[in-house]
């Protein structure tokens, strides 16, 4: 069953602060879109089975890469679909 990520689909916006420096941390998109040139065009559920996060498919989560422009801190954030 494919869920709908509220961030990917523009229903919500992430407004989080960087835990390292306190600046706004930015969503750079789904983590699997960074794997290679074609991963953004692959079926989302298929990529979730190969993305290294064991339960994101089963739990209906969309892993996003967040990055702070202030201190370059990066973290993967799992968004409930």
Protein backbone atom coordinates (compact mmCIF):
# COMPACT_ATOMS: atom_id res chain seq x y z
CA UNK A 1 0.00 0.00 0.00
CA UNK A 2 1.49 3.28 -1.10
CA UNK A 3 1.16 6.21 1.31
CA UNK A 4 1.24 9.86 0.44
CA UNK A 5 4.01 11.96 1.95
CA UNK A 6 2.57 15.32 3.03
CA UNK A 7 5.94 17.00 2.50
CA UNK A 8 6.65 15.58 -0.98
CA UNK A 9 3.13 16.54 -2.07
CA UNK A 10 3.20 20.06 -0.63
CA UNK A 11 0.39 19.52 1.92
CA UNK A 12 2.70 20.48 4.79
CA UNK A 13 6.04 22.19 5.25
CA UNK A 14 8.82 21.21 7.64
CA UNK A 15 9.82 23.95 10.03
CA UNK A 16 12.60 22.50 12.13
CA UNK A 17 15.64 23.98 13.83
CA UNK A 18 19.11 22.51 13.54
CA UNK A 19 20.04 20.66 16.74
CA UNK A 20 23.67 21.76 16.35
CA UNK A 21 23.42 25.53 15.73
CA UNK A 22 19.72 26.42 16.01
CA UNK A 23 19.35 27.75 12.46
CA UNK A 24 16.50 26.71 10.18
CA UNK A 25 17.17 23.23 8.78
CA UNK A 26 16.07 22.66 5.18
CA UNK A 27 14.41 19.69 3.54
CA UNK A 28 16.44 18.73 0.48
CA UNK A 29 14.03 15.96 -0.59
CA UNK A 30 13.62 12.20 -0.39
CA UNK A 31 16.85 10.43 0.55
CA UNK A 32 16.45 7.89 -2.25
CA UNK A 33 16.49 10.65 -4.89
CA UNK A 34 20.19 11.10 -4.13
CA UNK A 35 21.20 7.48 -4.82
CA UNK A 36 21.85 7.84 -8.55
CA UNK A 37 20.61 9.63 -11.68
CA UNK A 38 17.59 7.35 -12.11
CA UNK A 39 16.43 6.72 -8.54
CA UNK A 40 14.03 9.69 -8.61
CA UNK A 41 12.17 7.96 -11.46
CA UNK A 42 11.85 4.55 -9.78
CA UNK A 43 8.65 3.51 -7.97
CA UNK A 44 8.73 4.94 -4.44
CA UNK A 45 7.72 1.73 -2.69
CA UNK A 46 10.39 -0.22 -4.57
CA UNK A 47 13.06 2.27 -3.52
CA UNK A 48 11.93 1.99 0.11
CA UNK A 49 12.79 -1.69 0.02
CA UNK A 50 16.36 -0.82 -1.01
CA UNK A 51 17.09 2.45 0.81
CA UNK A 52 18.71 1.02 3.95
CA UNK A 53 15.89 1.95 6.34
CA UNK A 54 14.50 -1.41 7.39
CA UNK A 55 10.97 -0.39 8.35
CA UNK A 56 10.11 2.74 6.31
CA UNK A 57 7.98 0.76 3.84
CA UNK A 58 6.20 -1.25 6.54
CA UNK A 59 5.59 1.78 8.78
CA UNK A 60 4.56 4.14 5.95
CA UNK A 61 7.44 6.57 6.37
CA UNK A 62 9.16 8.76 3.79
CA UNK A 63 12.86 9.38 4.57
CA UNK A 64 13.97 12.93 3.77
CA UNK A 65 17.44 14.42 3.91
CA UNK A 66 17.57 17.59 6.01
CA UNK A 67 20.54 19.93 5.81
CA UNK A 68 21.48 23.04 7.75
CA UNK A 69 22.89 25.87 5.65
CA UNK A 70 24.48 27.38 8.76
CA UNK A 71 26.70 24.50 9.90
CA UNK A 72 26.20 21.83 7.16
CA UNK A 73 24.66 19.37 9.64
CA UNK A 74 22.75 16.61 7.81
CA UNK A 75 20.20 14.17 9.15
CA UNK A 76 17.62 11.77 7.75
CA UNK A 77 14.11 12.56 9.00
CA UNK A 78 11.32 9.98 8.65
CA UNK A 79 7.99 11.58 7.77
CA UNK A 80 4.72 9.73 8.44
CA UNK A 81 2.73 9.19 5.25
